[in-house]
N, C-alpha and C. Protein backbone atom coordinates (compact mmCIF):
# COMPACT_ATOMS: atom_id res chain seq x y z
N UNK A 1 0.61 -1.05 -0.07
CA UNK A 1 -0.03 -0.08 -0.11
C UNK A 1 0.96 1.19 0.05
N UNK A 2 0.31 2.25 -0.49
CA UNK A 2 1.14 3.55 -0.43
C UNK A 2 1.46 4.12 0.83
N UNK A 3 2.38 4.95 1.01
CA UNK A 3 2.74 5.58 2.20
C UNK A 3 4.22 5.59 2.33
N UNK A 4 4.58 6.26 3.62
CA UNK A 4 6.05 6.40 4.06
C UNK A 4 6.63 5.14 4.94
N UNK A 5 7.56 4.57 4.57
CA UNK A 5 8.14 3.40 5.22
C UNK A 5 9.58 3.63 5.72
N UNK A 6 10.15 2.84 6.64
CA UNK A 6 11.71 2.87 6.95
C UNK A 6 12.00 1.51 6.95
N UNK A 7 13.17 1.23 6.11
CA UNK A 7 14.03 0.02 6.01
C UNK A 7 15.09 -0.02 7.16
N UNK A 8 15.09 -0.87 8.03
CA UNK A 8 15.93 -1.01 9.29
C UNK A 8 16.65 -2.23 9.09
N UNK A 9 17.95 -2.17 9.31
CA UNK A 9 18.65 -3.30 9.34
C UNK A 9 19.22 -3.62 11.06
N UNK A 10 18.57 -4.73 11.24
CA UNK A 10 18.82 -5.48 12.63
C UNK A 10 20.27 -5.59 12.92
N UNK A 11 20.78 -6.57 12.11
CA UNK A 11 22.19 -7.50 12.02
C UNK A 11 22.88 -7.36 10.76
N UNK A 12 24.00 -7.06 10.55
CA UNK A 12 24.83 -7.04 9.48
C UNK A 12 25.57 -8.17 9.41
N UNK A 13 25.94 -8.58 8.21
CA UNK A 13 26.89 -9.82 8.11
C UNK A 13 28.35 -9.40 8.58
N UNK A 14 29.02 -10.49 8.95
CA UNK A 14 30.42 -10.32 9.39
C UNK A 14 31.37 -9.40 8.75
N UNK A 15 31.77 -8.39 9.43
CA UNK A 15 32.75 -7.24 8.42
C UNK A 15 32.02 -6.26 8.10
N UNK A 16 30.92 -6.17 7.92
CA UNK A 16 30.03 -5.05 7.75
C UNK A 16 29.51 -4.25 8.77
N UNK A 17 28.97 -3.07 8.62
CA UNK A 17 28.62 -2.35 9.56
C UNK A 17 26.83 -2.12 9.41
N UNK A 18 26.32 -1.90 10.40
CA UNK A 18 24.66 -2.11 10.40
C UNK A 18 24.28 -0.64 9.71
N UNK A 19 23.74 -0.65 8.61
CA UNK A 19 23.31 0.57 7.78
C UNK A 19 22.36 1.44 8.48
N UNK A 20 22.59 2.65 8.27
CA UNK A 20 21.59 3.65 8.56
C UNK A 20 20.22 3.46 8.10
N UNK A 21 19.33 3.77 8.63
CA UNK A 21 17.93 3.37 8.40
C UNK A 21 17.67 4.19 7.05
N UNK A 22 16.88 3.44 6.03
CA UNK A 22 16.62 4.25 4.69
C UNK A 22 14.93 4.52 4.89
N UNK A 23 14.61 5.61 4.86
CA UNK A 23 13.20 6.10 4.56
C UNK A 23 12.79 6.25 3.06
N UNK A 24 11.56 5.59 2.77
CA UNK A 24 11.14 5.62 1.51
C UNK A 24 9.58 5.82 1.32
N UNK A 25 9.38 6.31 0.22
CA UNK A 25 7.76 6.34 0.03
C UNK A 25 7.26 5.48 -1.17
N UNK A 26 6.37 4.83 -0.89
CA UNK A 26 5.91 3.85 -1.93
C UNK A 26 4.79 4.75 -2.46
N UNK A 27 4.84 4.77 -3.78
CA UNK A 27 3.60 5.67 -4.57
C UNK A 27 2.78 4.77 -5.30
N UNK A 28 1.62 5.30 -5.93
CA UNK A 28 0.64 4.68 -6.68
C UNK A 28 1.21 4.74 -8.02
N UNK A 29 1.75 3.55 -8.59
CA UNK A 29 2.37 3.78 -9.74
C UNK A 29 2.48 1.95 -10.20
N UNK A 30 2.42 1.86 -11.39
CA UNK A 30 2.68 0.33 -11.93
C UNK A 30 3.99 0.06 -11.96
N UNK A 31 4.91 0.89 -11.79
CA UNK A 31 6.43 0.85 -11.96
C UNK A 31 7.12 0.09 -10.96
N UNK A 32 8.08 -0.65 -10.87
CA UNK A 32 8.80 -1.32 -9.90
C UNK A 32 9.61 -0.13 -9.17
N UNK A 33 9.36 0.07 -8.02
CA UNK A 33 9.98 1.02 -7.00
C UNK A 33 11.21 0.43 -6.28
N UNK A 34 12.31 0.79 -6.63
CA UNK A 34 13.60 0.15 -5.80
C UNK A 34 14.14 0.87 -4.72
N UNK A 35 14.33 0.43 -3.73
CA UNK A 35 14.90 0.78 -2.44
C UNK A 35 16.20 0.12 -2.19
N UNK A 36 17.22 0.88 -1.98
CA UNK A 36 18.71 0.25 -1.77
C UNK A 36 19.21 0.84 -0.37
N UNK A 37 19.77 -0.18 0.22
CA UNK A 37 20.51 0.08 1.44
C UNK A 37 21.79 -0.62 1.25
N UNK A 38 22.88 0.22 1.68
CA UNK A 38 24.20 -0.19 1.34
C UNK A 38 25.02 -0.33 2.85
N UNK A 39 25.68 -1.36 2.98
CA UNK A 39 26.25 -1.65 4.25
C UNK A 39 27.80 -1.21 3.89
N UNK A 40 28.37 -0.39 4.98
CA UNK A 40 29.85 -0.04 4.75
C UNK A 40 30.44 -1.20 5.38
N UNK A 41 31.88 -1.15 5.44
CA UNK A 41 32.75 -2.26 5.92
C UNK A 41 33.56 -1.59 7.16
N UNK A 42 34.06 -2.48 8.01
CA UNK A 42 35.13 -2.03 8.94
C UNK A 42 36.29 -1.98 8.24
N UNK A 43 37.15 -0.90 8.97
CA UNK A 43 38.57 -0.64 8.24
C UNK A 43 39.59 -0.38 9.44
N UNK A 44 40.50 -1.33 9.42
CA UNK A 44 41.50 -1.18 10.41
C UNK A 44 42.69 -1.01 10.12
N UNK A 45 43.54 -0.02 10.59
CA UNK A 45 44.94 0.11 10.12
C UNK A 45 45.87 -0.06 11.41
N UNK A 46 46.81 -0.91 10.99
CA UNK A 46 47.80 -1.31 12.05
C UNK A 46 49.03 -0.75 11.84
N UNK A 47 49.75 -0.02 12.83
CA UNK A 47 51.08 0.65 12.56
C UNK A 47 51.98 -0.15 13.50
N UNK A 48 53.23 -0.40 12.93
CA UNK A 48 54.24 -1.00 13.79
C UNK A 48 55.36 0.06 13.60
N UNK A 49 55.64 0.71 14.81
CA UNK A 49 56.41 1.85 14.83
C UNK A 49 57.70 1.58 15.87
N UNK A 50 58.83 2.42 15.79
CA UNK A 50 59.59 2.61 16.67
C UNK A 50 59.34 3.54 17.67
N UNK A 51 59.95 3.89 18.77
CA UNK A 51 59.58 4.77 19.75
C UNK A 51 59.30 6.05 19.42
N UNK A 52 60.06 6.48 18.28
CA UNK A 52 59.96 7.89 17.51
C UNK A 52 58.89 7.80 16.56
N UNK A 53 58.01 6.81 16.35
CA UNK A 53 56.84 6.92 15.67
C UNK A 53 57.08 6.53 14.13
N UNK A 54 58.10 6.33 13.85
CA UNK A 54 58.61 5.91 12.57
C UNK A 54 58.03 4.41 12.04
N UNK A 55 57.44 4.11 11.01
CA UNK A 55 57.06 2.68 10.45
C UNK A 55 58.27 1.80 10.61
N UNK A 56 58.17 0.67 11.36
CA UNK A 56 59.30 -0.21 11.51
C UNK A 56 59.14 -1.43 10.58
N UNK A 57 59.88 -1.65 9.54
CA UNK A 57 59.84 -2.86 8.77
C UNK A 57 60.31 -4.25 9.40
N UNK A 58 59.85 -5.22 9.19
CA UNK A 58 60.57 -6.56 9.43
C UNK A 58 60.00 -7.20 10.89
N UNK A 59 58.86 -6.62 11.56
CA UNK A 59 58.22 -7.34 12.70
C UNK A 59 57.18 -8.39 11.96
N UNK A 60 57.19 -9.50 12.64
CA UNK A 60 56.31 -10.43 12.16
C UNK A 60 55.23 -10.35 13.18
N UNK A 61 53.89 -10.03 12.74
CA UNK A 61 52.84 -9.65 13.40
C UNK A 61 51.42 -10.57 13.09
N UNK A 62 50.81 -10.80 14.30
CA UNK A 62 49.55 -11.77 14.14
C UNK A 62 48.37 -11.24 14.94
N UNK A 63 47.10 -11.15 14.29
CA UNK A 63 45.88 -10.71 15.04
C UNK A 63 45.13 -11.97 15.34
N UNK A 64 44.88 -12.12 16.77
CA UNK A 64 43.89 -13.26 17.35
C UNK A 64 42.59 -12.84 17.59
N UNK A 65 41.41 -13.41 17.28
CA UNK A 65 40.23 -13.14 17.78
C UNK A 65 40.09 -13.42 19.25
N UNK A 66 38.90 -13.24 19.83
CA UNK A 66 38.77 -13.40 21.24
C UNK A 66 38.80 -14.77 21.49
N UNK A 67 38.51 -15.74 20.70
CA UNK A 67 38.72 -17.25 20.70
C UNK A 67 40.29 -17.81 20.85
N UNK A 68 41.11 -16.81 20.37
CA UNK A 68 42.43 -17.28 20.19
C UNK A 68 42.79 -17.75 18.87
N UNK A 69 41.89 -17.67 17.96
CA UNK A 69 42.02 -18.06 16.54
C UNK A 69 42.93 -16.97 15.61
N UNK A 70 43.92 -17.48 14.85
CA UNK A 70 44.55 -16.24 13.95
C UNK A 70 43.50 -15.97 12.94
N UNK A 71 43.56 -14.28 12.94
CA UNK A 71 42.58 -13.77 11.95
C UNK A 71 43.51 -13.25 10.82
N UNK A 72 44.83 -12.94 11.00
CA UNK A 72 45.75 -12.44 9.87
C UNK A 72 47.02 -12.46 10.52
N UNK A 73 48.13 -12.63 9.63
CA UNK A 73 49.56 -12.50 9.98
C UNK A 73 50.11 -11.94 8.77
N UNK A 74 51.28 -11.13 9.06
CA UNK A 74 51.85 -10.58 8.03
C UNK A 74 53.25 -9.92 8.75
N UNK A 75 54.30 -9.50 7.71
CA UNK A 75 55.36 -8.78 8.17
C UNK A 75 55.23 -7.56 7.86
N UNK A 76 55.65 -6.47 8.72
CA UNK A 76 55.43 -4.92 8.69
C UNK A 76 56.43 -4.71 7.79
N UNK A 77 56.05 -3.64 6.96
CA UNK A 77 57.03 -2.82 6.07
C UNK A 77 56.98 -1.34 6.53
N UNK A 78 57.16 -0.54 5.40
CA UNK A 78 57.21 0.84 5.79
C UNK A 78 55.86 1.73 5.62
N UNK A 79 54.87 0.95 5.56
CA UNK A 79 53.47 1.43 5.57
C UNK A 79 52.74 0.83 6.58
N UNK A 80 51.71 1.47 7.17
CA UNK A 80 50.51 0.71 8.13
C UNK A 80 49.98 -0.39 7.27
N UNK A 81 49.70 -1.52 7.98
CA UNK A 81 48.89 -2.54 7.46
C UNK A 81 47.36 -2.42 7.49
N UNK A 82 46.68 -2.44 6.27
CA UNK A 82 45.50 -2.00 6.34
C UNK A 82 44.22 -3.20 6.11
N UNK A 83 43.44 -3.39 6.87
CA UNK A 83 42.55 -4.37 6.85
C UNK A 83 41.13 -4.03 6.66
N UNK A 84 40.28 -4.68 5.91
CA UNK A 84 38.91 -4.32 5.66
C UNK A 84 38.16 -5.68 6.25
N UNK A 85 36.82 -5.35 6.84
CA UNK A 85 35.84 -6.43 6.94
C UNK A 85 36.29 -7.23 8.13
N UNK A 86 37.04 -6.73 9.02
CA UNK A 86 37.27 -7.46 10.54
C UNK A 86 35.87 -7.34 11.13
N UNK A 87 35.43 -8.76 11.54
CA UNK A 87 34.01 -8.46 12.17
C UNK A 87 34.13 -7.85 13.60
N UNK A 88 32.98 -7.00 13.82
CA UNK A 88 33.15 -6.10 15.03
C UNK A 88 33.44 -7.19 16.37
N UNK A 89 34.30 -6.59 17.10
CA UNK A 89 34.53 -7.50 18.47
C UNK A 89 35.97 -7.14 19.01
N UNK A 90 36.37 -7.97 19.92
CA UNK A 90 37.85 -7.68 20.50
C UNK A 90 38.85 -8.65 19.51
N UNK A 91 40.04 -8.20 19.71
CA UNK A 91 40.90 -8.72 19.09
C UNK A 91 42.45 -8.62 19.99
N UNK A 92 43.54 -9.31 19.64
CA UNK A 92 44.83 -9.19 20.42
C UNK A 92 45.73 -8.98 19.07
N UNK A 93 46.46 -8.02 19.19
CA UNK A 93 47.77 -7.84 18.21
C UNK A 93 49.02 -8.29 18.85
N UNK A 94 49.63 -9.24 18.31
CA UNK A 94 50.79 -10.10 18.96
C UNK A 94 52.01 -10.18 18.12
N UNK A 95 53.07 -9.55 18.70
CA UNK A 95 54.23 -9.67 17.93
C UNK A 95 54.99 -10.89 18.06
N UNK A 96 55.08 -11.63 16.70
CA UNK A 96 55.89 -12.92 16.80
C UNK A 96 57.58 -12.80 17.05
N UNK A 97 57.83 -11.91 16.34
CA UNK A 97 59.23 -11.66 16.41
C UNK A 97 59.53 -10.23 15.88
N UNK A 98 60.47 -9.53 16.50
CA UNK A 98 60.66 -8.23 16.39
C UNK A 98 62.22 -7.93 15.20
N UNK A 99 62.01 -6.85 14.65
CA UNK A 99 63.19 -6.62 13.73
C UNK A 99 64.47 -6.63 14.54
N UNK A 100 65.68 -6.80 13.72
CA UNK A 100 66.81 -7.09 14.53
C UNK A 100 67.16 -5.91 15.07
N UNK A 101 67.57 -5.88 16.48
CA UNK A 101 68.21 -4.58 17.21
C UNK A 101 66.86 -4.09 17.95
N UNK A 102 65.48 -4.62 17.95
CA UNK A 102 64.48 -4.18 18.67
C UNK A 102 64.11 -5.22 19.73
N UNK A 103 63.24 -5.04 20.68
CA UNK A 103 62.73 -5.83 21.56
C UNK A 103 61.34 -6.09 21.13
N UNK A 104 60.70 -7.49 21.43
CA UNK A 104 59.75 -7.74 21.13
C UNK A 104 58.48 -6.69 22.11
N UNK A 105 57.42 -6.18 21.37
CA UNK A 105 56.42 -5.54 22.17
C UNK A 105 55.56 -6.53 23.05
N UNK A 106 54.77 -5.73 24.03
CA UNK A 106 53.82 -6.66 24.60
C UNK A 106 52.48 -6.68 23.74
N UNK A 107 51.62 -7.71 24.04
CA UNK A 107 50.56 -7.81 23.17
C UNK A 107 49.50 -6.41 23.39
N UNK A 108 48.72 -6.14 22.30
CA UNK A 108 47.92 -5.13 22.41
C UNK A 108 46.40 -5.53 22.15
N UNK A 109 45.48 -5.26 22.99
CA UNK A 109 44.15 -5.82 22.94
C UNK A 109 43.60 -4.63 22.20
N UNK A 110 42.46 -4.58 21.57
CA UNK A 110 41.93 -3.54 20.79
C UNK A 110 40.45 -4.17 20.36
N UNK A 111 39.59 -3.06 19.89
CA UNK A 111 38.36 -3.56 19.55
C UNK A 111 37.81 -2.84 18.30
N UNK A 112 37.37 -3.85 17.31
CA UNK A 112 36.78 -3.25 16.29
C UNK A 112 35.28 -2.89 16.38
N UNK A 113 35.07 -1.64 16.29
CA UNK A 113 33.67 -0.90 16.51
C UNK A 113 32.89 -0.83 15.15
N UNK A 114 31.70 -0.44 15.52
CA UNK A 114 30.64 -0.33 14.42
C UNK A 114 30.80 1.07 13.83
N UNK A 115 31.82 1.07 13.15
CA UNK A 115 32.04 2.67 12.37
C UNK A 115 32.73 2.36 11.10
N UNK A 116 32.26 3.26 10.18
CA UNK A 116 32.97 3.59 9.05
C UNK A 116 34.23 4.08 8.97
N UNK A 117 34.70 4.69 9.91
CA UNK A 117 36.10 5.41 10.13
C UNK A 117 37.09 4.26 10.15
N UNK A 118 38.24 4.88 9.69
CA UNK A 118 39.43 3.94 9.84
C UNK A 118 39.90 3.86 11.19
N UNK A 119 39.81 2.70 11.87
CA UNK A 119 40.08 2.53 13.29
C UNK A 119 41.66 2.22 13.35
N UNK A 120 42.44 3.13 13.95
CA UNK A 120 43.97 2.74 14.12
C UNK A 120 44.49 2.20 15.36
N UNK A 121 45.66 1.25 15.14
CA UNK A 121 46.06 0.57 16.32
C UNK A 121 47.71 0.67 16.04
N UNK A 122 48.32 1.28 17.10
CA UNK A 122 49.52 1.30 16.89
C UNK A 122 50.26 0.47 17.85
N UNK A 123 51.53 -0.28 17.69
CA UNK A 123 52.31 -0.85 18.40
C UNK A 123 53.72 -0.46 18.31
N UNK A 124 54.35 -0.15 19.44
CA UNK A 124 55.76 0.37 19.30
C UNK A 124 56.73 -0.53 19.73
N UNK A 125 57.97 -0.65 19.30
CA UNK A 125 59.10 -1.37 19.64
C UNK A 125 60.27 -0.65 20.20
N UNK A 126 60.71 -0.89 21.18
CA UNK A 126 61.94 -0.29 21.91
C UNK A 126 63.30 -0.87 21.33
N UNK A 127 64.17 -0.05 21.03
CA UNK A 127 65.28 -0.63 20.69
C UNK A 127 65.93 -1.32 21.77
N UNK A 128 66.77 -2.51 21.42
CA UNK A 128 67.56 -3.12 22.35
C UNK A 128 68.64 -2.12 22.90
N UNK A 129 68.91 -2.29 24.16
CA UNK A 129 69.84 -1.57 24.84
C UNK A 129 71.42 -2.17 24.45
N UNK A 130 72.39 -1.29 24.36
CA UNK A 130 73.64 -1.95 23.83
C UNK A 130 74.23 -2.80 24.91
N UNK A 131 74.93 -3.78 24.62
CA UNK A 131 75.33 -4.53 25.72
C UNK A 131 76.40 -3.78 26.64
N UNK A 132 76.13 -4.01 28.03
CA UNK A 132 76.91 -3.21 29.00
C UNK A 132 78.35 -3.91 29.13
N UNK A 133 79.28 -3.13 28.93
CA UNK A 133 80.76 -3.85 28.97
C UNK A 133 80.98 -3.98 30.48
N UNK A 134 81.70 -4.97 30.87
CA UNK A 134 82.15 -5.00 32.40
C UNK A 134 82.87 -3.97 32.71
N UNK A 135 82.82 -3.30 33.82
CA UNK A 135 83.81 -2.30 34.33
C UNK A 135 85.24 -2.88 34.21
N UNK A 136 86.16 -2.06 33.57
CA UNK A 136 87.47 -2.29 33.69
C UNK A 136 88.18 -2.02 34.81
N UNK A 137 88.72 -3.31 35.40
CA UNK A 137 89.59 -3.38 36.64
C UNK A 137 90.76 -2.39 36.43
N UNK A 138 90.99 -2.21 35.33
CA UNK A 138 92.25 -1.25 35.01
C UNK A 138 93.27 -2.15 34.47
N UNK A 139 94.20 -1.55 33.77
CA UNK A 139 95.35 -2.35 33.33
C UNK A 139 96.46 -2.12 34.44
N UNK A 140 95.93 -1.26 35.38
CA UNK A 140 97.04 -1.27 36.50
C UNK A 140 96.77 -2.36 37.36
N UNK A 141 95.84 -2.78 37.60
CA UNK A 141 95.58 -3.93 38.59
C UNK A 141 96.09 -5.19 37.85
N UNK A 142 95.94 -5.28 36.58
CA UNK A 142 96.72 -6.36 35.83
C UNK A 142 97.95 -6.12 35.84
N UNK A 143 98.70 -5.15 35.72
CA UNK A 143 100.24 -5.03 35.83
C UNK A 143 100.52 -5.39 37.17
N UNK A 144 99.95 -5.12 38.13
CA UNK A 144 100.37 -5.25 39.50
C UNK A 144 100.41 -6.67 39.82
N UNK A 145 99.38 -7.16 39.31
CA UNK A 145 99.23 -9.01 39.39
C UNK A 145 100.39 -9.59 38.88
N UNK A 146 100.80 -9.16 37.39
CA UNK A 146 102.08 -9.81 36.88
C UNK A 146 103.20 -9.44 37.34
N UNK A 147 103.34 -8.24 37.87
CA UNK A 147 104.58 -7.80 38.62
C UNK A 147 104.97 -8.61 39.95
N UNK A 148 103.70 -8.71 40.70
CA UNK A 148 103.82 -9.56 41.95
C UNK A 148 104.27 -11.15 41.65
N UNK A 149 103.48 -11.56 40.58
CA UNK A 149 103.69 -12.92 40.14
C UNK A 149 105.15 -13.17 39.98
N UNK A 150 105.76 -12.31 38.98
CA UNK A 150 107.18 -12.44 38.35
C UNK A 150 108.02 -11.90 39.50
N UNK A 151 107.55 -11.22 40.49
CA UNK A 151 108.74 -11.21 41.69
C UNK A 151 108.53 -12.39 42.55
N UNK A 152 107.36 -12.90 42.76
CA UNK A 152 107.52 -14.14 43.55
C UNK A 152 108.30 -15.29 42.99
N UNK A 153 107.91 -15.44 41.68
CA UNK A 153 108.88 -16.42 40.83
C UNK A 153 110.32 -16.20 41.07
N UNK A 154 110.60 -14.92 40.82
CA UNK A 154 112.05 -14.60 40.98
C UNK A 154 112.55 -14.78 42.51
N UNK A 155 111.93 -14.48 43.58
CA UNK A 155 112.17 -14.97 44.75
C UNK A 155 112.53 -16.38 45.00
N UNK A 156 111.65 -17.06 44.34
CA UNK A 156 111.63 -18.67 44.54
C UNK A 156 112.81 -19.25 43.82
N UNK A 157 113.22 -18.51 42.62
CA UNK A 157 114.35 -19.05 41.98
C UNK A 157 115.55 -18.86 42.89
N UNK A 158 115.72 -17.62 43.28
CA UNK A 158 117.01 -17.01 44.02
C UNK A 158 116.93 -17.54 45.31
N UNK A 159 116.00 -17.86 46.08
CA UNK A 159 115.92 -18.30 47.46
C UNK A 159 117.01 -19.52 47.71
N UNK A 160 117.01 -20.46 47.06
CA UNK A 160 117.80 -21.65 47.27
C UNK A 160 119.41 -21.04 47.33
N UNK A 161 119.80 -20.31 46.40
CA UNK A 161 121.12 -19.68 46.41
C UNK A 161 121.51 -18.84 47.61
N UNK A 162 120.42 -18.16 48.09
CA UNK A 162 120.58 -17.32 49.03
C UNK A 162 120.90 -18.20 50.56
N UNK A 163 120.15 -19.03 50.59
CA UNK A 163 120.26 -19.99 51.80
C UNK A 163 121.41 -20.77 51.67
N UNK A 164 122.00 -21.24 50.61
CA UNK A 164 123.15 -22.11 50.21
C UNK A 164 124.35 -21.09 50.92
N UNK A 165 124.63 -19.80 50.39
CA UNK A 165 125.54 -18.85 50.49
C UNK A 165 125.34 -18.61 52.27
N UNK A 166 124.36 -18.47 52.70
CA UNK A 166 124.21 -18.01 54.12
C UNK A 166 124.78 -19.42 55.19
N UNK A 167 124.44 -20.51 54.59
CA UNK A 167 124.87 -21.78 55.16
C UNK A 167 126.53 -21.83 55.33
N UNK A 168 126.80 -21.64 53.87
CA UNK A 168 128.38 -21.52 53.83
C UNK A 168 128.99 -20.63 54.71
N UNK A 169 128.51 -19.32 54.76
CA UNK A 169 129.14 -18.29 55.69
C UNK A 169 128.89 -18.64 57.16
N UNK A 170 127.94 -19.32 57.54
CA UNK A 170 127.76 -19.83 58.87
C UNK A 170 128.97 -20.74 59.37
N UNK A 171 129.40 -21.60 58.33
CA UNK A 171 130.36 -22.67 58.90
C UNK A 171 131.76 -21.92 59.13
N UNK A 172 132.13 -20.98 58.81
CA UNK A 172 133.64 -20.41 59.05
C UNK A 172 133.73 -19.96 60.37
């Protein structure tokens, strides 16, 4: 029958957003009247950066859903990783391995929301600290050690001769 109607979407397919209501009017005509409702999709952008915020290539990353199932895996490059149609819900971004010279970051939990806006998630890697060199005890200590050792060896070598001369001197 003729009149104004509203087309309402209760639930969208996975990866799609619930569309806004579409209001339309049915007119008295013999022609087919078409009404179109379009669902947008979720859009997520994952950035893997260093502490300065520069994209960091070479990190092996995986997204897990709330049940621990792998949703997507990739190796980071010099641009953010873009994903469409992730179903709305909770996820975990996990770094399998970090690029050389960087530490593996802690997992990041994020949520994909019901919006057509690009949802951004950033994971940062800290650079490894350079190895700490043991404090030098100094060449002086090493020199003293060898000096004392050489001196002790010399005394041990000369001592028998000194005792022999003393004994001979006491006989007279």
